[in-house]
Amino acid sequence: MIELSNFKKSFLGECLGVGLQKRGPQDDHVTVFILVEDDGSWFISGNGFSSFWLPELIPLLQEANTWMKRNCVPDMYKGVQSGWKFKK
């Protein structure tokens, strides 16, 4: 079980979610985690999930992407965007 407050931002559906977290203490790169719910507790998905839940996950991923575009800065490497970084 994980504490949702450990994520900088999370987007939760009925049984799936998306959590955004820094890659490391000194690394502001946004790392995306797929979350699964079981009996009211949330876990980081490590074993996959039923394809039944895919329609729930797609809008959560889109919401997370929109949030990053508005609240993060591009993570640039050699002139190419390599994801997002949390603002300091």
PDB file of N, CA and C in Angstrom:
ATOM      1  N   MET A   1       0.839  -1.172   0.000  1.00  0.00           N
ATOM      2  CA  MET A   1       0.000   0.000   0.000  1.00  0.00           C
ATOM      3  C   MET A   1       0.890   1.244   0.000  1.00  0.00           C
ATOM      4  N   ILE A   2       0.439   2.273  -0.713  1.00  0.00           N
ATOM      5  CA  ILE A   2       1.200   3.519  -0.774  1.00  0.00           C
ATOM      6  C   ILE A   2       0.368   4.666  -0.214  1.00  0.00           C
ATOM      7  N   GLU A   3       1.044   5.688   0.212  1.00  0.00           N
ATOM      8  CA  GLU A   3       0.389   6.924   0.641  1.00  0.00           C
ATOM      9  C   GLU A   3       0.286   7.837  -0.579  1.00  0.00           C
ATOM     10  N   LEU A   4      -0.919   8.200  -0.958  1.00  0.00           N
ATOM     11  CA  LEU A   4      -1.092   9.068  -2.125  1.00  0.00           C
ATOM     12  C   LEU A   4      -0.433  10.420  -1.911  1.00  0.00           C
ATOM     13  N   SER A   5      -0.278  10.839  -0.665  1.00  0.00           N
ATOM     14  CA  SER A   5       0.361  12.123  -0.385  1.00  0.00           C
ATOM     15  C   SER A   5       1.844  12.117  -0.754  1.00  0.00           C
ATOM     16  N   ASN A   6       2.419  10.928  -0.996  1.00  0.00           N
ATOM     17  CA  ASN A   6       3.815  10.846  -1.424  1.00  0.00           C
ATOM     18  C   ASN A   6       4.002  11.302  -2.866  1.00  0.00           C
ATOM     19  N   PHE A   7       2.915  11.344  -3.623  1.00  0.00           N
ATOM     20  CA  PHE A   7       2.984  11.796  -5.004  1.00  0.00           C
ATOM     21  C   PHE A   7       2.830  13.310  -5.045  1.00  0.00           C
ATOM     22  N   LYS A   8       3.563  13.929  -5.953  1.00  0.00           N
ATOM     23  CA  LYS A   8       3.439  15.375  -6.133  1.00  0.00           C
ATOM     24  C   LYS A   8       2.039  15.693  -6.652  1.00  0.00           C
ATOM     25  N   LYS A   9       1.497  14.805  -7.502  1.00  0.00           N
ATOM     26  CA  LYS A   9       0.148  14.960  -8.059  1.00  0.00           C
ATOM     27  C   LYS A   9      -0.361  13.571  -8.406  1.00  0.00           C
ATOM     28  N   SER A  10      -1.648  13.323  -8.164  1.00  0.00           N
ATOM     29  CA  SER A  10      -2.232  12.045  -8.567  1.00  0.00           C
ATOM     30  C   SER A  10      -3.599  12.285  -9.190  1.00  0.00           C
ATOM     31  N   PHE A  11      -3.970  11.373 -10.079  1.00  0.00           N
ATOM     32  CA  PHE A  11      -5.245  11.403 -10.794  1.00  0.00           C
ATOM     33  C   PHE A  11      -5.862  10.031 -10.580  1.00  0.00           C
ATOM     34  N   LEU A  12      -7.019   9.968  -9.919  1.00  0.00           N
ATOM     35  CA  LEU A  12      -7.579   8.682  -9.519  1.00  0.00           C
ATOM     36  C   LEU A  12      -8.931   8.430 -10.166  1.00  0.00           C
ATOM     37  N   GLY A  13      -9.100   7.212 -10.639  1.00  0.00           N
ATOM     38  CA  GLY A  13     -10.383   6.758 -11.128  1.00  0.00           C
ATOM     39  C   GLY A  13     -10.989   5.828 -10.104  1.00  0.00           C
ATOM     40  N   GLU A  14     -11.876   4.961 -10.556  1.00  0.00           N
ATOM     41  CA  GLU A  14     -12.512   4.013  -9.648  1.00  0.00           C
ATOM     42  C   GLU A  14     -11.525   2.951  -9.178  1.00  0.00           C
ATOM     43  N   CYS A  15     -10.781   2.370 -10.108  1.00  0.00           N
ATOM     44  CA  CYS A  15      -9.845   1.289  -9.761  1.00  0.00           C
ATOM     45  C   CYS A  15      -8.431   1.512 -10.277  1.00  0.00           C
ATOM     46  N   LEU A  16      -8.222   2.539 -11.090  1.00  0.00           N
ATOM     47  CA  LEU A  16      -6.890   2.838 -11.614  1.00  0.00           C
ATOM     48  C   LEU A  16      -6.580   4.305 -11.365  1.00  0.00           C
ATOM     49  N   GLY A  17      -5.306   4.610 -11.367  1.00  0.00           N
ATOM     50  CA  GLY A  17      -4.888   5.986 -11.198  1.00  0.00           C
ATOM     51  C   GLY A  17      -3.532   6.224 -11.812  1.00  0.00           C
ATOM     52  N   VAL A  18      -3.140   7.476 -11.820  1.00  0.00           N
ATOM     53  CA  VAL A  18      -1.840   7.897 -12.323  1.00  0.00           C
ATOM     54  C   VAL A  18      -1.210   8.765 -11.242  1.00  0.00           C
ATOM     55  N   GLY A  19       0.019   8.442 -10.861  1.00  0.00           N
ATOM     56  CA  GLY A  19       0.745   9.230  -9.874  1.00  0.00           C
ATOM     57  C   GLY A  19       1.987   9.843 -10.491  1.00  0.00           C
ATOM     58  N   LEU A  20       2.231  11.113 -10.177  1.00  0.00           N
ATOM     59  CA  LEU A  20       3.410  11.819 -10.675  1.00  0.00           C
ATOM     60  C   LEU A  20       4.334  12.099  -9.505  1.00  0.00           C
ATOM     61  N   GLN A  21       5.614  11.787  -9.696  1.00  0.00           N
ATOM     62  CA  GLN A  21       6.587  11.904  -8.619  1.00  0.00           C
ATOM     63  C   GLN A  21       7.942  12.294  -9.211  1.00  0.00           C
ATOM     64  N   LYS A  22       8.776  12.975  -8.413  1.00  0.00           N
ATOM     65  CA  LYS A  22      10.143  13.265  -8.847  1.00  0.00           C
ATOM     66  C   LYS A  22      10.905  11.953  -9.003  1.00  0.00           C
ATOM     67  N   ARG A  23      11.808  11.911  -9.985  1.00  0.00           N
ATOM     68  CA  ARG A  23      12.608  10.703 -10.205  1.00  0.00           C
ATOM     69  C   ARG A  23      13.563  10.445  -9.047  1.00  0.00           C
ATOM     70  N   GLY A  24      14.004  11.475  -8.394  1.00  0.00           N
ATOM     71  CA  GLY A  24      14.925  11.308  -7.267  1.00  0.00           C
ATOM     72  C   GLY A  24      15.014  12.590  -6.465  1.00  0.00           C
ATOM     73  N   PRO A  25      15.682  12.531  -5.307  1.00  0.00           N
ATOM     74  CA  PRO A  25      15.767  13.720  -4.446  1.00  0.00           C
ATOM     75  C   PRO A  25      16.382  14.932  -5.135  1.00  0.00           C
ATOM     76  N   GLN A  26      17.333  14.718  -6.007  1.00  0.00           N
ATOM     77  CA  GLN A  26      18.001  15.814  -6.715  1.00  0.00           C
ATOM     78  C   GLN A  26      17.618  15.853  -8.192  1.00  0.00           C
ATOM     79  N   ASP A  27      16.586  15.103  -8.583  1.00  0.00           N
ATOM     80  CA  ASP A  27      16.189  14.978  -9.990  1.00  0.00           C
ATOM     81  C   ASP A  27      14.711  15.314 -10.123  1.00  0.00           C
ATOM     82  N   ASP A  28      14.407  16.477 -10.725  1.00  0.00           N
ATOM     83  CA  ASP A  28      13.031  16.945 -10.839  1.00  0.00           C
ATOM     84  C   ASP A  28      12.266  16.344 -12.017  1.00  0.00           C
ATOM     85  N   HIS A  29      12.888  15.427 -12.775  1.00  0.00           N
ATOM     86  CA  HIS A  29      12.197  14.795 -13.904  1.00  0.00           C
ATOM     87  C   HIS A  29      10.934  14.098 -13.401  1.00  0.00           C
ATOM     88  N   VAL A  30       9.824  14.293 -14.104  1.00  0.00           N
ATOM     89  CA  VAL A  30       8.547  13.685 -13.706  1.00  0.00           C
ATOM     90  C   VAL A  30       8.558  12.205 -14.066  1.00  0.00           C
ATOM     91  N   THR A  31       8.308  11.363 -13.068  1.00  0.00           N
ATOM     92  CA  THR A  31       8.152   9.924 -13.281  1.00  0.00           C
ATOM     93  C   THR A  31       6.676   9.597 -13.104  1.00  0.00           C
ATOM     94  N   VAL A  32       6.127   8.814 -14.029  1.00  0.00           N
ATOM     95  CA  VAL A  32       4.705   8.480 -14.042  1.00  0.00           C
ATOM     96  C   VAL A  32       4.523   7.046 -13.547  1.00  0.00           C
ATOM     97  N   PHE A  33       3.627   6.872 -12.582  1.00  0.00           N
ATOM     98  CA  PHE A  33       3.311   5.552 -12.051  1.00  0.00           C
ATOM     99  C   PHE A  33       1.843   5.230 -12.322  1.00  0.00           C
ATOM    100  N   ILE A  34       1.571   4.010 -12.728  1.00  0.00           N
ATOM    101  CA  ILE A  34       0.203   3.520 -12.847  1.00  0.00           C
ATOM    102  C   ILE A  34      -0.170   2.941 -11.490  1.00  0.00           C
ATOM    103  N   LEU A  35      -1.303   3.388 -10.961  1.00  0.00           N
ATOM    104  CA  LEU A  35      -1.763   2.960  -9.652  1.00  0.00           C
ATOM    105  C   LEU A  35      -2.997   2.074  -9.792  1.00  0.00           C
ATOM    106  N   VAL A  36      -3.138   1.121  -8.898  1.00  0.00           N
ATOM    107  CA  VAL A  36      -4.324   0.258  -8.868  1.00  0.00           C
ATOM    108  C   VAL A  36      -4.902   0.285  -7.457  1.00  0.00           C
ATOM    109  N   GLU A  37      -6.226   0.198  -7.392  1.00  0.00           N
ATOM    110  CA  GLU A  37      -6.933   0.234  -6.111  1.00  0.00           C
ATOM    111  C   GLU A  37      -7.433  -1.167  -5.778  1.00  0.00           C
ATOM    112  N   ASP A  38      -7.333  -1.518  -4.504  1.00  0.00           N
ATOM    113  CA  ASP A  38      -7.862  -2.795  -4.026  1.00  0.00           C
ATOM    114  C   ASP A  38      -8.382  -2.591  -2.608  1.00  0.00           C
ATOM    115  N   ASP A  39      -9.677  -2.769  -2.430  1.00  0.00           N
ATOM    116  CA  ASP A  39     -10.314  -2.628  -1.113  1.00  0.00           C
ATOM    117  C   ASP A  39     -10.004  -1.296  -0.443  1.00  0.00           C
ATOM    118  N   GLY A  40     -10.020  -0.220  -1.223  1.00  0.00           N
ATOM    119  CA  GLY A  40      -9.823   1.117  -0.672  1.00  0.00           C
ATOM    120  C   GLY A  40      -8.380   1.547  -0.502  1.00  0.00           C
ATOM    121  N   SER A  41      -7.436   0.679  -0.813  1.00  0.00           N
ATOM    122  CA  SER A  41      -6.016   1.011  -0.720  1.00  0.00           C
ATOM    123  C   SER A  41      -5.437   1.109  -2.121  1.00  0.00           C
ATOM    124  N   TRP A  42      -4.436   1.972  -2.280  1.00  0.00           N
ATOM    125  CA  TRP A  42      -3.797   2.175  -3.577  1.00  0.00           C
ATOM    126  C   TRP A  42      -2.399   1.572  -3.568  1.00  0.00           C
ATOM    127  N   PHE A  43      -2.018   0.992  -4.726  1.00  0.00           N
ATOM    128  CA  PHE A  43      -0.734   0.333  -4.899  1.00  0.00           C
ATOM    129  C   PHE A  43      -0.152   0.750  -6.240  1.00  0.00           C
ATOM    130  N   ILE A  44       1.173   0.706  -6.354  1.00  0.00           N
ATOM    131  CA  ILE A  44       1.812   0.898  -7.655  1.00  0.00           C
ATOM    132  C   ILE A  44       1.651  -0.398  -8.425  1.00  0.00           C
ATOM    133  N   SER A  45       1.128  -0.297  -9.639  1.00  0.00           N
ATOM    134  CA  SER A  45       0.898  -1.482 -10.458  1.00  0.00           C
ATOM    135  C   SER A  45       2.222  -2.087 -10.883  1.00  0.00           C
ATOM    136  N   GLY A  46       2.382  -3.360 -10.629  1.00  0.00           N
ATOM    137  CA  GLY A  46       3.585  -4.058 -11.055  1.00  0.00           C
ATOM    138  C   GLY A  46       3.252  -5.286 -11.873  1.00  0.00           C
ATOM    139  N   ASN A  47       1.999  -5.662 -11.858  1.00  0.00           N
ATOM    140  CA  ASN A  47       1.591  -6.900 -12.520  1.00  0.00           C
ATOM    141  C   ASN A  47       0.589  -6.682 -13.629  1.00  0.00           C
ATOM    142  N   GLY A  48       0.357  -5.456 -14.012  1.00  0.00           N
ATOM    143  CA  GLY A  48      -0.635  -5.197 -15.041  1.00  0.00           C
ATOM    144  C   GLY A  48      -2.028  -5.147 -14.447  1.00  0.00           C
ATOM    145  N   PHE A  49      -3.021  -5.044 -15.331  1.00  0.00           N
ATOM    146  CA  PHE A  49      -4.409  -4.980 -14.897  1.00  0.00           C
ATOM    147  C   PHE A  49      -5.278  -5.454 -16.045  1.00  0.00           C
ATOM    148  N   SER A  50      -6.527  -5.739 -15.736  1.00  0.00           N
ATOM    149  CA  SER A  50      -7.460  -6.220 -16.751  1.00  0.00           C
ATOM    150  C   SER A  50      -7.667  -5.163 -17.825  1.00  0.00           C
ATOM    151  N   SER A  51      -7.747  -5.577 -19.065  1.00  0.00           N
ATOM    152  CA  SER A  51      -8.006  -4.655 -20.170  1.00  0.00           C
ATOM    153  C   SER A  51      -9.372  -3.980 -20.025  1.00  0.00           C
ATOM    154  N   PHE A  52     -10.230  -4.520 -19.176  1.00  0.00           N
ATOM    155  CA  PHE A  52     -11.536  -3.912 -18.906  1.00  0.00           C
ATOM    156  C   PHE A  52     -11.373  -2.477 -18.419  1.00  0.00           C
ATOM    157  N   TRP A  53     -10.279  -2.204 -17.685  1.00  0.00           N
ATOM    158  CA  TRP A  53     -10.077  -0.895 -17.073  1.00  0.00           C
ATOM    159  C   TRP A  53      -9.366   0.095 -17.986  1.00  0.00           C
ATOM    160  N   LEU A  54      -8.953  -0.305 -19.158  1.00  0.00           N
ATOM    161  CA  LEU A  54      -8.232   0.603 -20.048  1.00  0.00           C
ATOM    162  C   LEU A  54      -9.026   1.877 -20.369  1.00  0.00           C
ATOM    163  N   PRO A  55     -10.340   1.786 -20.654  1.00  0.00           N
ATOM    164  CA  PRO A  55     -11.082   3.023 -20.917  1.00  0.00           C
ATOM    165  C   PRO A  55     -11.055   4.004 -19.734  1.00  0.00           C
ATOM    166  N   GLU A  56     -10.900   3.502 -18.510  1.00  0.00           N
ATOM    167  CA  GLU A  56     -10.792   4.388 -17.350  1.00  0.00           C
ATOM    168  C   GLU A  56      -9.423   5.049 -17.298  1.00  0.00           C
ATOM    169  N   LEU A  57      -8.383   4.318 -17.691  1.00  0.00           N
ATOM    170  CA  LEU A  57      -7.021   4.826 -17.590  1.00  0.00           C
ATOM    171  C   LEU A  57      -6.708   5.906 -18.625  1.00  0.00           C
ATOM    172  N   ILE A  58      -7.233   5.770 -19.826  1.00  0.00           N
ATOM    173  CA  ILE A  58      -6.898   6.697 -20.913  1.00  0.00           C
ATOM    174  C   ILE A  58      -7.192   8.152 -20.534  1.00  0.00           C
ATOM    175  N   PRO A  59      -8.393   8.502 -20.032  1.00  0.00           N
ATOM    176  CA  PRO A  59      -8.613   9.903 -19.678  1.00  0.00           C
ATOM    177  C   PRO A  59      -7.760  10.367 -18.498  1.00  0.00           C
ATOM    178  N   LEU A  60      -7.410   9.457 -17.592  1.00  0.00           N
ATOM    179  CA  LEU A  60      -6.538   9.832 -16.480  1.00  0.00           C
ATOM    180  C   LEU A  60      -5.148  10.195 -16.992  1.00  0.00           C
ATOM    181  N   LEU A  61      -4.641   9.433 -17.957  1.00  0.00           N
ATOM    182  CA  LEU A  61      -3.348   9.754 -18.568  1.00  0.00           C
ATOM    183  C   LEU A  61      -3.415  11.087 -19.308  1.00  0.00           C
ATOM    184  N   GLN A  62      -4.528  11.331 -19.999  1.00  0.00           N
ATOM    185  CA  GLN A  62      -4.685  12.598 -20.713  1.00  0.00           C
ATOM    186  C   GLN A  62      -4.743  13.766 -19.728  1.00  0.00           C
ATOM    187  N   GLU A  63      -5.430  13.566 -18.608  1.00  0.00           N
ATOM    188  CA  GLU A  63      -5.504  14.606 -17.585  1.00  0.00           C
ATOM    189  C   GLU A  63      -4.117  14.888 -16.993  1.00  0.00           C
ATOM    190  N   ALA A  64      -3.360  13.818 -16.736  1.00  0.00           N
ATOM    191  CA  ALA A  64      -1.998  13.989 -16.216  1.00  0.00           C
ATOM    192  C   ALA A  64      -1.128  14.738 -17.224  1.00  0.00           C
ATOM    193  N   ASN A  65      -1.246  14.398 -18.495  1.00  0.00           N
ATOM    194  CA  ASN A  65      -0.463  15.056 -19.539  1.00  0.00           C
ATOM    195  C   ASN A  65      -0.805  16.542 -19.622  1.00  0.00           C
ATOM    196  N   THR A  66      -2.081  16.867 -19.574  1.00  0.00           N
ATOM    197  CA  THR A  66      -2.512  18.268 -19.602  1.00  0.00           C
ATOM    198  C   THR A  66      -1.977  19.013 -18.392  1.00  0.00           C
ATOM    199  N   TRP A  67      -2.020  18.375 -17.221  1.00  0.00           N
ATOM    200  CA  TRP A  67      -1.511  19.008 -16.004  1.00  0.00           C
ATOM    201  C   TRP A  67      -0.021  19.307 -16.140  1.00  0.00           C
ATOM    202  N   MET A  68       0.744  18.343 -16.676  1.00  0.00           N
ATOM    203  CA  MET A  68       2.189  18.560 -16.852  1.00  0.00           C
ATOM    204  C   MET A  68       2.459  19.712 -17.809  1.00  0.00           C
ATOM    205  N   LYS A  69       1.682  19.818 -18.884  1.00  0.00           N
ATOM    206  CA  LYS A  69       1.873  20.908 -19.841  1.00  0.00           C
ATOM    207  C   LYS A  69       1.652  22.263 -19.186  1.00  0.00           C
ATOM    208  N   ARG A  70       0.754  22.321 -18.213  1.00  0.00           N
ATOM    209  CA  ARG A  70       0.421  23.587 -17.552  1.00  0.00           C
ATOM    210  C   ARG A  70       1.301  23.879 -16.334  1.00  0.00           C
ATOM    211  N   ASN A  71       1.794  22.848 -15.680  1.00  0.00           N
ATOM    212  CA  ASN A  71       2.433  23.032 -14.383  1.00  0.00           C
ATOM    213  C   ASN A  71       3.894  22.603 -14.315  1.00  0.00           C
ATOM    214  N   CYS A  72       4.430  22.108 -15.395  1.00  0.00           N
ATOM    215  CA  CYS A  72       5.828  21.663 -15.425  1.00  0.00           C
ATOM    216  C   CYS A  72       6.569  22.388 -16.538  1.00  0.00           C
ATOM    217  N   VAL A  73       7.860  22.147 -16.616  1.00  0.00           N
ATOM    218  CA  VAL A  73       8.677  22.728 -17.684  1.00  0.00           C
ATOM    219  C   VAL A  73       9.263  21.592 -18.514  1.00  0.00           C
ATOM    220  N   PRO A  74       9.469  21.823 -19.805  1.00  0.00           N
ATOM    221  CA  PRO A  74      10.057  20.769 -20.632  1.00  0.00           C
ATOM    222  C   PRO A  74      11.438  20.356 -20.114  1.00  0.00           C
ATOM    223  N   ASP A  75      11.697  19.071 -20.133  1.00  0.00           N
ATOM    224  CA  ASP A  75      13.010  18.528 -19.773  1.00  0.00           C
ATOM    225  C   ASP A  75      13.780  18.363 -21.076  1.00  0.00           C
ATOM    226  N   MET A  76      14.678  19.309 -21.333  1.00  0.00           N
ATOM    227  CA  MET A  76      15.381  19.338 -22.612  1.00  0.00           C
ATOM    228  C   MET A  76      16.739  18.649 -22.504  1.00  0.00           C
ATOM    229  N   TYR A  77      17.076  17.869 -23.531  1.00  0.00           N
ATOM    230  CA  TYR A  77      18.373  17.211 -23.628  1.00  0.00           C
ATOM    231  C   TYR A  77      18.827  17.289 -25.075  1.00  0.00           C
ATOM    232  N   LYS A  78      19.935  17.984 -25.301  1.00  0.00           N
ATOM    233  CA  LYS A  78      20.488  18.170 -26.644  1.00  0.00           C
ATOM    234  C   LYS A  78      19.437  18.730 -27.613  1.00  0.00           C
ATOM    235  N   GLY A  79      18.662  19.678 -27.124  1.00  0.00           N
ATOM    236  CA  GLY A  79      17.679  20.346 -27.968  1.00  0.00           C
ATOM    237  C   GLY A  79      16.393  19.579 -28.206  1.00  0.00           C
ATOM    238  N   VAL A  80      16.220  18.438 -27.564  1.00  0.00           N
ATOM    239  CA  VAL A  80      15.024  17.620 -27.738  1.00  0.00           C
ATOM    240  C   VAL A  80      14.329  17.472 -26.389  1.00  0.00           C
ATOM    241  N   GLN A  81      12.998  17.620 -26.391  1.00  0.00           N
ATOM    242  CA  GLN A  81      12.271  17.447 -25.139  1.00  0.00           C
ATOM    243  C   GLN A  81      12.253  15.976 -24.756  1.00  0.00           C
ATOM    244  N   SER A  82      12.681  15.721 -23.523  1.00  0.00           N
ATOM    245  CA  SER A  82      12.755  14.348 -23.011  1.00  0.00           C
ATOM    246  C   SER A  82      11.807  14.164 -21.832  1.00  0.00           C
ATOM    247  N   GLY A  83      10.614  14.687 -21.954  1.00  0.00           N
ATOM    248  CA  GLY A  83       9.627  14.595 -20.887  1.00  0.00           C
ATOM    249  C   GLY A  83       9.447  15.937 -20.209  1.00  0.00           C
ATOM    250  N   TRP A  84       9.102  15.878 -18.910  1.00  0.00           N
ATOM    251  CA  TRP A  84       8.796  17.071 -18.150  1.00  0.00           C
ATOM    252  C   TRP A  84       9.572  17.078 -16.837  1.00  0.00           C
ATOM    253  N   LYS A  85       9.769  18.297 -16.295  1.00  0.00           N
ATOM    254  CA  LYS A  85      10.358  18.471 -14.978  1.00  0.00           C
ATOM    255  C   LYS A  85       9.402  19.301 -14.128  1.00  0.00           C
ATOM    256  N   PHE A  86       9.334  18.940 -12.836  1.00  0.00           N
ATOM    257  CA  PHE A  86       8.569  19.765 -11.919  1.00  0.00           C
ATOM    258  C   PHE A  86       9.267  21.111 -11.786  1.00  0.00           C
ATOM    259  N   LYS A  87       8.480  22.175 -11.670  1.00  0.00           N
ATOM    260  CA  LYS A  87       9.059  23.494 -11.420  1.00  0.00           C
ATOM    261  C   LYS A  87       9.638  23.505 -10.024  1.00  0.00           C
ATOM    262  N   LYS A  88      10.732  24.201  -9.853  1.00  0.00           N
ATOM    263  CA  LYS A  88      11.383  24.281  -8.535  1.00  0.00           C
ATOM    264  C   LYS A  88      10.647  25.220  -7.625  1.00  0.00           C
TER     265      LYS A  88
END
